[in-house]
């Protein structure tokens, strides 16, 4: 399938040279070895049901900074590539539950977030077009009758009260074969989901009640080392360094010493790599809640002094993550610049790649007109631009330059799949 009416491609303001050219050139030259390596990995480690990966392209480094195993944002994908989503859903369902015909979709409790509800409607549409009957139930305890929600797109969704009969989740006239979670369980694992005889994907163990970002990036570093050895590059070029702090309380200022020490240590380590590659950039560190999503509990610092100088408003913002859950652990992640820009205004942007099973199915660019190249873009004021591939993301064009379309998209797909593989190993360990 070739798509001629492509969406615009962001511009990389840093010239293609040095490390990035080597990364992309290696990926193109080693494509056969890379794809064979991935095929072998998926034979031994099952991919999560779906995922989205936030990438940052600094020109000298291309790396993931977040991996979401309960992705929203399906409405931001290019409509041109929804057939890839449909095919991947069919493949995943056939592997997980071959006899499945009816699917129960359990979403987040964002009944007022129309952007999320549009994503939910898109996901439901994909599953229907894959050949399954799908209905949506809600974990909201106050929902006692079906509620229809009309959306700005002209579509609508029907939320139905969740019911449990014995070891099965059902609706009045609907007994599903499998349960699809689109709820990251930031507030914990509801008892109504425990001990079900139906297949539930992703498994409860992958929710934020169990999962830590630091565990994921430890797995990612392991994957990056193996992959870097395969194509003979420095793993730092595709992997962010990180440290972690536990038992922190931002409001009581306990655990602050660990935070300051680790910020200083990480900045020094990043500077050594910058010196190695002759990079004239100021290192920075991103401090995040070790569990949770939606860009909450995130701040950027350039020195330990900035940690000591946090004001009450900053501490309050860091003290709680999604769902009001208290932040007690943080991950300190090497800040990766994004030097890609969008449009005449040169708004800062970063790619987000979507996968279903082990297939890359599309993505979009997160664009922010009021943020800088060293800031978190997953914040109010962002918008999305569909990312449409001229060919599927696993099909580079060796006759073109490394940064040409679709070769840069191939690079995105490779790094995103490395993050997916890390999540697959994480999943295996959590379920062991």
Protein backbone atom coordinates (compact mmCIF):
# COMPACT_ATOMS: atom_id res chain seq x y z
CA UNK A 1 0.00 0.00 0.00
CA UNK A 2 1.50 3.34 -1.03
CA UNK A 3 0.03 6.61 0.18
CA UNK A 4 0.65 9.63 -2.00
CA UNK A 5 -1.14 12.35 0.02
CA UNK A 6 1.38 12.57 2.83
CA UNK A 7 1.19 14.86 5.83
CA UNK A 8 4.05 17.34 6.22
CA UNK A 9 7.25 16.05 7.78
CA UNK A 10 8.91 18.08 10.56
CA UNK A 11 12.30 19.61 9.91
CA UNK A 12 15.35 18.53 11.89
CA UNK A 13 17.05 21.84 12.59
CA UNK A 14 20.35 20.15 13.37
CA UNK A 15 22.16 19.11 10.20
CA UNK A 16 22.38 15.37 9.62
CA UNK A 17 25.92 14.63 10.64
CA UNK A 18 28.03 12.72 13.11
CA UNK A 19 26.30 10.28 15.47
CA UNK A 20 22.79 10.56 14.02
CA UNK A 21 24.01 9.92 10.50
CA UNK A 22 25.84 6.87 11.80
CA UNK A 23 22.75 5.62 13.65
CA UNK A 24 20.42 5.97 10.67
CA UNK A 25 23.00 4.70 8.18
CA UNK A 26 23.61 1.64 10.34
CA UNK A 27 19.90 0.97 10.65
CA UNK A 28 19.50 1.09 6.87
CA UNK A 29 22.62 -0.95 6.11
CA UNK A 30 21.72 -3.57 8.72
CA UNK A 31 18.00 -3.81 7.96
CA UNK A 32 18.02 -7.55 7.16
CA UNK A 33 19.96 -8.35 10.35
CA UNK A 34 17.72 -6.03 12.39
CA UNK A 35 14.47 -7.57 11.17
CA UNK A 36 15.83 -11.10 11.66
CA UNK A 37 16.86 -10.16 15.19
CA UNK A 38 13.42 -8.77 15.97
CA UNK A 39 11.72 -11.89 14.57
CA UNK A 40 13.83 -14.05 16.86
CA UNK A 41 13.02 -11.85 19.86
CA UNK A 42 9.26 -12.12 19.27
CA UNK A 43 9.55 -15.91 19.04
CA UNK A 44 10.91 -16.05 22.58
CA UNK A 45 9.15 -13.05 24.18
CA UNK A 46 5.53 -12.15 23.51
CA UNK A 47 4.89 -8.49 22.75
CA UNK A 48 2.42 -6.50 24.87
CA UNK A 49 -1.00 -6.15 23.28
CA UNK A 50 -0.41 -2.51 22.33
CA UNK A 51 1.87 0.39 23.20
CA UNK A 52 2.85 3.92 22.31
CA UNK A 53 6.40 5.22 22.64
CA UNK A 54 7.47 8.86 22.95
CA UNK A 55 10.75 9.49 21.13
CA UNK A 56 13.18 12.41 21.16
CA UNK A 57 15.46 13.18 18.22
CA UNK A 58 18.39 15.37 19.26
CA UNK A 59 20.28 15.03 16.00
CA UNK A 60 23.11 13.31 17.87
CA UNK A 61 20.83 10.91 19.75
CA UNK A 62 17.51 9.17 19.06
CA UNK A 63 15.94 7.58 22.13
CA UNK A 64 12.64 6.72 23.83
CA UNK A 65 11.66 8.75 26.87
CA UNK A 66 8.35 7.08 27.78
CA UNK A 67 6.49 3.86 26.98
CA UNK A 68 2.73 3.66 27.54
CA UNK A 69 1.17 0.19 27.62
CA UNK A 70 -2.43 1.48 27.74
CA UNK A 71 -2.25 4.05 24.93
CA UNK A 72 -4.82 6.71 24.16
CA UNK A 73 -4.59 9.04 21.17
CA UNK A 74 -5.82 6.58 18.53
CA UNK A 75 -7.89 9.43 17.09
CA UNK A 76 -4.63 11.25 16.26
CA UNK A 77 -3.41 8.50 13.92
CA UNK A 78 -3.63 9.05 10.20
CA UNK A 79 -6.83 7.55 8.81
CA UNK A 80 -4.75 6.28 5.88
CA UNK A 81 -3.10 3.69 8.07
CA UNK A 82 -6.07 2.43 10.08
CA UNK A 83 -6.05 -0.73 7.90
CA UNK A 84 -2.69 -1.56 9.51
CA UNK A 85 -4.30 -1.21 12.94
CA UNK A 86 -7.16 -3.50 11.90
CA UNK A 87 -4.80 -6.18 10.59
CA UNK A 88 -2.65 -6.00 13.72
CA UNK A 89 -5.72 -6.28 15.99
CA UNK A 90 -6.82 -9.38 14.09
CA UNK A 91 -3.36 -10.92 14.44
CA UNK A 92 -3.17 -10.14 18.17
CA UNK A 93 -6.66 -11.44 18.98
CA UNK A 94 -6.10 -14.62 16.98
CA UNK A 95 -2.91 -15.28 18.97
CA UNK A 96 -4.29 -14.41 22.39
CA UNK A 97 -7.83 -15.82 22.15
CA UNK A 98 -8.54 -17.59 18.82
CA UNK A 99 -12.18 -18.27 19.73
CA UNK A 100 -12.92 -14.62 20.61
CA UNK A 101 -15.96 -13.02 18.97
CA UNK A 102 -17.12 -10.54 21.62
CA UNK A 103 -14.82 -8.04 23.34
CA UNK A 104 -15.49 -5.89 26.40
CA UNK A 105 -13.48 -2.65 26.41
CA UNK A 106 -12.73 -1.06 29.81
CA UNK A 107 -11.63 2.58 29.51
CA UNK A 108 -10.26 5.25 31.81
CA UNK A 109 -12.80 7.19 33.87
CA UNK A 110 -12.32 10.34 31.76
CA UNK A 111 -15.98 10.96 30.95
CA UNK A 112 -15.34 14.72 30.53
CA UNK A 113 -12.17 14.41 28.47
CA UNK A 114 -13.49 14.55 24.92
CA UNK A 115 -10.03 13.97 23.44
CA UNK A 116 -9.77 10.66 25.30
CA UNK A 117 -13.33 9.72 24.39
CA UNK A 118 -12.57 10.36 20.70
CA UNK A 119 -9.61 7.97 21.04
CA UNK A 120 -11.90 5.41 22.67
CA UNK A 121 -14.39 5.72 19.81
CA UNK A 122 -11.58 5.19 17.29
CA UNK A 123 -10.31 2.13 19.13
CA UNK A 124 -13.83 0.69 19.26
CA UNK A 125 -14.19 1.31 15.52
CA UNK A 126 -10.89 -0.45 14.78
CA UNK A 127 -11.97 -3.51 16.77
CA UNK A 128 -15.37 -3.60 15.03
CA UNK A 129 -13.74 -3.40 11.62
CA UNK A 130 -11.43 -6.23 12.64
CA UNK A 131 -14.55 -8.40 12.84
CA UNK A 132 -15.46 -8.36 16.54
CA UNK A 133 -18.47 -7.21 18.50
CA UNK A 134 -17.22 -4.71 21.07
CA UNK A 135 -18.98 -2.84 23.87
CA UNK A 136 -17.65 -0.44 26.48
CA UNK A 137 -18.20 -0.80 30.21
CA UNK A 138 -17.09 1.62 32.90
CA UNK A 139 -15.41 1.25 36.28
CA UNK A 140 -17.20 4.38 37.51
CA UNK A 141 -19.19 3.20 40.54
CA UNK A 142 -21.84 5.89 40.17
CA UNK A 143 -22.75 4.72 36.66
CA UNK A 144 -25.91 2.64 37.17
CA UNK A 145 -27.45 2.86 33.69
CA UNK A 146 -26.07 3.06 30.14
CA UNK A 147 -24.89 6.57 29.25
CA UNK A 148 -24.56 7.75 25.67
CA UNK A 149 -21.94 10.44 25.07
CA UNK A 150 -22.04 12.47 21.87
CA UNK A 151 -18.64 13.58 20.60
CA UNK A 152 -17.46 16.66 18.66
CA UNK A 153 -16.60 14.43 15.68
CA UNK A 154 -20.25 13.48 15.30
CA UNK A 155 -19.67 10.00 16.68
CA UNK A 156 -20.90 8.70 20.02
CA UNK A 157 -20.01 6.03 22.53
CA UNK A 158 -22.20 4.11 24.96
CA UNK A 159 -20.80 3.55 28.45
CA UNK A 160 -22.46 0.67 30.30
CA UNK A 161 -22.26 -0.28 34.00
CA UNK A 162 -19.79 -3.06 34.72
CA UNK A 163 -21.26 -6.32 36.05
CA UNK A 164 -19.61 -9.42 37.45
CA UNK A 165 -21.26 -12.84 37.55
CA UNK A 166 -19.09 -15.39 39.22
CA UNK A 167 -15.70 -15.21 37.51
CA UNK A 168 -16.94 -13.37 34.42
CA UNK A 169 -17.57 -9.76 33.45
CA UNK A 170 -20.82 -9.39 31.53
CA UNK A 171 -23.47 -6.93 30.43
CA UNK A 172 -27.18 -7.72 30.52
CA UNK A 173 -27.21 -9.35 27.08
CA UNK A 174 -23.48 -9.65 26.42
CA UNK A 175 -21.04 -12.31 27.62
CA UNK A 176 -17.63 -11.38 26.14
CA UNK A 177 -14.86 -13.82 25.31
CA UNK A 178 -12.12 -11.41 26.32
CA UNK A 179 -11.53 -8.13 28.16
CA UNK A 180 -9.44 -5.31 26.66
CA UNK A 181 -8.10 -2.80 29.19
CA UNK A 182 -7.53 0.79 28.13
CA UNK A 183 -7.17 1.84 31.75
CA UNK A 184 -3.66 2.05 33.21
CA UNK A 185 -4.83 1.29 36.78
CA UNK A 186 -3.04 4.30 38.26
CA UNK A 187 -5.47 4.21 41.17
CA UNK A 188 -4.88 0.51 41.82
CA UNK A 189 -6.29 -2.85 40.75
CA UNK A 190 -10.08 -2.98 41.19
CA UNK A 191 -11.23 -6.14 42.93
CA UNK A 192 -13.86 -6.66 40.22
CA UNK A 193 -11.07 -7.40 37.72
CA UNK A 194 -9.25 -9.95 39.86
CA UNK A 195 -9.54 -13.70 39.24
CA UNK A 196 -11.51 -13.54 35.99
CA UNK A 197 -11.75 -16.68 33.87
CA UNK A 198 -11.90 -14.52 30.75
CA UNK A 199 -8.69 -13.49 29.02
CA UNK A 200 -7.77 -9.92 30.04
CA UNK A 201 -5.26 -7.88 28.04
CA UNK A 202 -3.03 -6.18 28.84
CA UNK A 203 -2.69 -8.17 32.07
CA UNK A 204 -3.35 -6.38 35.36
CA UNK A 205 0.34 -6.69 36.24
CA UNK A 206 1.19 -4.07 33.62
CA UNK A 207 -0.86 -1.35 35.32
CA UNK A 208 0.85 1.40 37.28
CA UNK A 209 -0.21 -0.31 40.50
CA UNK A 210 2.60 -2.80 39.77
CA UNK A 211 4.81 -1.23 37.14
CA UNK A 212 7.70 1.27 37.51
CA UNK A 213 9.33 3.36 34.80
CA UNK A 214 12.74 2.63 36.31
CA UNK A 215 12.17 -1.12 35.81
CA UNK A 216 11.17 -0.48 32.19
CA UNK A 217 14.23 1.59 31.40
CA UNK A 218 16.50 -0.95 33.10
CA UNK A 219 15.08 -3.50 30.65
CA UNK A 220 15.47 -1.00 27.84
CA UNK A 221 19.15 -0.47 28.61
CA UNK A 222 19.63 -4.24 28.44
CA UNK A 223 17.87 -4.37 25.04
CA UNK A 224 19.82 -1.34 23.76
CA UNK A 225 23.15 -2.95 24.66
CA UNK A 226 22.25 -6.13 22.78
CA UNK A 227 21.02 -4.19 19.77
CA UNK A 228 23.99 -1.81 19.75
CA UNK A 229 26.34 -4.80 19.68
CA UNK A 230 24.42 -6.16 16.68
CA UNK A 231 24.91 -3.00 14.58
CA UNK A 232 28.17 -1.81 16.21
CA UNK A 233 27.18 1.55 17.75
CA UNK A 234 27.49 3.11 21.19
CA UNK A 235 24.27 2.15 23.08
CA UNK A 236 24.18 5.66 24.59
CA UNK A 237 23.16 6.98 21.18
CA UNK A 238 19.80 5.18 21.48
CA UNK A 239 19.33 4.96 25.26
CA UNK A 240 18.77 7.60 27.96
CA UNK A 241 20.76 7.21 31.15
CA UNK A 242 18.77 7.20 34.37
CA UNK A 243 18.93 6.89 38.15
CA UNK A 244 16.11 6.48 40.66
CA UNK A 245 15.13 7.68 44.12
CA UNK A 246 12.63 6.01 46.41
CA UNK A 247 10.85 7.18 49.55
CA UNK A 248 10.57 10.83 48.62
CA UNK A 249 8.07 13.36 49.92
CA UNK A 250 8.16 16.66 48.07
CA UNK A 251 5.95 18.51 50.54
CA UNK A 252 7.88 17.40 53.64
CA UNK A 253 11.19 17.71 51.72
CA UNK A 254 12.26 14.23 52.78
CA UNK A 255 14.48 12.24 50.41
CA UNK A 256 15.78 15.49 48.93
CA UNK A 257 19.45 14.63 49.53
CA UNK A 258 19.19 11.52 47.35
CA UNK A 259 17.53 13.59 44.65
CA UNK A 260 20.23 16.27 44.69
CA UNK A 261 23.08 13.75 44.67
CA UNK A 262 21.62 11.76 41.81
CA UNK A 263 20.90 14.89 39.75
CA UNK A 264 24.56 15.92 40.10
CA UNK A 265 25.85 12.43 39.30
CA UNK A 266 23.63 12.09 36.24
CA UNK A 267 24.54 15.54 34.90
CA UNK A 268 28.23 14.70 35.23
CA UNK A 269 27.73 11.41 33.38
CA UNK A 270 25.84 13.14 30.55
CA UNK A 271 28.56 15.81 30.28
CA UNK A 272 31.21 13.11 29.85
CA UNK A 273 29.29 11.71 26.88
CA UNK A 274 28.82 15.21 25.43
CA UNK A 275 32.58 15.76 25.75
CA UNK A 276 33.24 12.41 24.08
CA UNK A 277 31.19 13.44 21.04
CA UNK A 278 32.20 17.11 21.05
CA UNK A 279 28.66 18.31 21.73
CA UNK A 280 28.16 21.93 22.72
CA UNK A 281 24.88 21.53 24.63
CA UNK A 282 23.97 21.96 28.26
CA UNK A 283 23.01 18.65 29.93
CA UNK A 284 19.69 18.46 31.71
CA UNK A 285 17.76 15.92 33.77
CA UNK A 286 14.04 15.17 33.71
CA UNK A 287 12.58 14.14 37.07
CA UNK A 288 9.39 12.07 36.80
CA UNK A 289 7.09 10.13 39.04
CA UNK A 290 8.24 6.51 38.74
CA UNK A 291 4.67 5.45 37.97
CA UNK A 292 1.92 7.21 36.05
CA UNK A 293 1.17 8.94 32.78
CA UNK A 294 -0.36 12.05 31.19
CA UNK A 295 2.78 14.14 31.68
CA UNK A 296 2.01 14.69 35.37
CA UNK A 297 4.70 14.83 38.04
CA UNK A 298 7.44 15.94 35.60
CA UNK A 299 10.06 18.67 35.85
CA UNK A 300 13.32 19.60 34.11
CA UNK A 301 16.46 20.68 35.99
CA UNK A 302 19.98 21.69 34.94
CA UNK A 303 21.60 21.55 38.38
CA UNK A 304 21.08 20.22 41.90
CA UNK A 305 20.59 23.83 43.01
CA UNK A 306 17.28 23.88 41.15
CA UNK A 307 16.09 20.94 43.28
CA UNK A 308 16.97 22.78 46.48
CA UNK A 309 15.23 25.92 45.24
CA UNK A 310 11.86 24.34 44.41
CA UNK A 311 9.03 26.58 45.52
CA UNK A 312 5.77 25.40 47.07
CA UNK A 313 3.89 25.46 43.75
CA UNK A 314 6.54 23.27 42.09
CA UNK A 315 6.56 20.86 45.03
CA UNK A 316 2.78 20.60 44.98
CA UNK A 317 2.86 19.82 41.26
CA UNK A 318 5.45 17.07 41.79
CA UNK A 319 3.79 15.64 44.91
CA UNK A 320 0.90 13.97 43.07
CA UNK A 321 0.52 12.21 39.75
CA UNK A 322 -2.50 10.98 37.78
CA UNK A 323 -5.62 10.33 39.84
CA UNK A 324 -4.20 12.28 42.77
CA UNK A 325 -1.87 9.42 43.70
CA UNK A 326 0.99 10.54 45.92
CA UNK A 327 4.43 10.54 44.30
CA UNK A 328 6.72 8.55 46.58
CA UNK A 329 9.30 7.40 44.02
CA UNK A 330 10.92 9.23 41.15
CA UNK A 331 13.08 8.36 38.17
CA UNK A 332 15.78 10.80 37.10
CA UNK A 333 16.18 10.49 33.35
CA UNK A 334 18.81 11.95 31.06
CA UNK A 335 17.18 14.81 29.21
CA UNK A 336 17.16 14.25 25.45
CA UNK A 337 16.80 17.38 23.36
CA UNK A 338 14.31 17.46 20.51
CA UNK A 339 15.57 19.47 17.56
CA UNK A 340 12.67 18.65 15.28
CA UNK A 341 10.29 21.50 14.51
CA UNK A 342 6.91 21.85 12.84
CA UNK A 343 5.64 24.52 10.46
CA UNK A 344 6.67 28.09 9.78
CA UNK A 345 6.65 28.89 13.48
CA UNK A 346 9.24 26.14 14.07
CA UNK A 347 7.23 24.77 16.98
CA UNK A 348 9.08 22.09 18.92
CA UNK A 349 7.84 18.57 18.19
CA UNK A 350 8.50 14.92 19.02
CA UNK A 351 7.31 11.70 17.37
CA UNK A 352 5.03 9.22 19.13
CA UNK A 353 4.97 5.74 17.58
CA UNK A 354 2.05 3.31 18.02
CA UNK A 355 2.27 -0.47 17.95
CA UNK A 356 -0.28 -3.25 18.18
CA UNK A 357 1.21 -6.64 18.95
CA UNK A 358 4.75 -6.37 17.49
CA UNK A 359 3.65 -4.33 14.47
CA UNK A 360 4.23 -0.61 14.00
CA UNK A 361 0.84 0.78 12.95
CA UNK A 362 1.39 4.53 12.85
CA UNK A 363 1.98 7.52 15.04
CA UNK A 364 1.81 11.28 15.27
CA UNK A 365 3.91 14.29 16.16
CA UNK A 366 3.27 15.96 19.50
CA UNK A 367 3.70 19.69 18.84
CA UNK A 368 4.01 22.47 21.40
CA UNK A 369 4.29 26.11 20.43
CA UNK A 370 5.19 27.34 23.93
CA UNK A 371 7.81 24.80 24.98
CA UNK A 372 11.53 24.56 24.27
CA UNK A 373 13.76 21.77 22.94
CA UNK A 374 14.66 20.69 26.48
CA UNK A 375 11.14 20.69 27.94
CA UNK A 376 8.36 18.15 28.44
CA UNK A 377 5.93 18.47 25.51
CA UNK A 378 3.23 16.30 27.08
CA UNK A 379 1.59 19.32 28.67
CA UNK A 380 -1.41 21.62 28.22
CA UNK A 381 -1.10 23.57 24.97
CA UNK A 382 0.17 20.63 22.92
CA UNK A 383 -1.49 19.52 19.71
CA UNK A 384 -1.01 16.59 17.37
CA UNK A 385 -0.14 16.21 13.71
CA UNK A 386 -0.74 12.79 12.10
CA UNK A 387 2.36 10.93 11.05
CA UNK A 388 1.66 9.08 7.80
CA UNK A 389 4.27 6.72 6.43
CA UNK A 390 4.86 6.56 2.69
CA UNK A 391 5.42 2.86 3.26
CA UNK A 392 5.00 0.77 6.38
CA UNK A 393 7.52 1.73 9.05
CA UNK A 394 9.55 -1.43 8.48
CA UNK A 395 10.19 -0.65 4.80
CA UNK A 396 13.06 1.82 4.28
CA UNK A 397 14.20 3.04 0.86
CA UNK A 398 17.90 2.28 0.54
CA UNK A 399 18.17 4.47 -2.57
CA UNK A 400 17.44 7.60 -0.49
CA UNK A 401 19.41 9.52 2.13
CA UNK A 402 19.28 8.30 5.75
CA UNK A 403 17.06 11.21 6.82
CA UNK A 404 14.69 11.01 3.84
CA UNK A 405 11.07 9.91 4.05
CA UNK A 406 10.54 7.00 4.82
CA UNK A 407 14.00 6.29 6.24
CA UNK A 408 13.66 8.50 9.29
CA UNK A 409 10.33 6.82 9.96
CA UNK A 410 12.08 3.46 9.76
CA UNK A 411 14.51 4.69 12.42
CA UNK A 412 11.56 5.75 14.59
CA UNK A 413 10.00 2.31 14.18
CA UNK A 414 13.20 0.49 15.12
CA UNK A 415 13.75 2.46 18.33
CA UNK A 416 10.07 2.18 19.27
CA UNK A 417 10.21 -1.59 18.81
CA UNK A 418 13.27 -1.74 21.08
CA UNK A 419 11.13 -0.08 23.76
CA UNK A 420 8.34 -2.55 23.01
CA UNK A 421 10.77 -5.44 23.43
CA UNK A 422 11.86 -4.01 26.78
CA UNK A 423 8.19 -3.87 27.79
CA UNK A 424 7.75 -7.47 26.62
CA UNK A 425 10.59 -8.59 28.91
CA UNK A 426 9.11 -6.48 31.69
CA UNK A 427 5.75 -8.19 31.13
CA UNK A 428 7.34 -11.63 31.28
CA UNK A 429 9.08 -10.81 34.55
CA UNK A 430 5.96 -9.32 36.17
CA UNK A 431 3.92 -12.39 35.25
CA UNK A 432 6.57 -14.95 36.27
